[in-house]
């Protein structure tokens, strides 16, 4: 059974940092691009960051660019998302996702992703 399990969420003060992790299992993800999305109450799921199969290429949304880093461990394909200088607007349920790596096409589109985690809550206190 394919699973993507997120960890590292919780309550963080505004201005603080957090590191989310996504551990895949159930199949080999070495050829998959991985992404992070988030969804706040009443809003659509939005793209946060993505990383290609090798870890050499990364993408970020404008909302987190410059204060976030996505990375992946090549030995087990665990993906991490570090977000610094957290803002109230960063509060959401964060989802890890995986897709066959097709380059730049569709990296920010939820419909491009084949597998999804259940999500993890991030709350930012002001």
Foldseek 3Di string as FASTA:
>chain_A
DWAWAKDWADEAAQQAKTKMKIFIDDDDQLQKKKFKWWDAPPGDIWGAKIAGSVQPDIDGDPVQPPFKDWGADNVGRMIMIMGGRHDQVVWGWMKMFIARGPDPPPPTPPVRTDDIHPTDTHGYHD
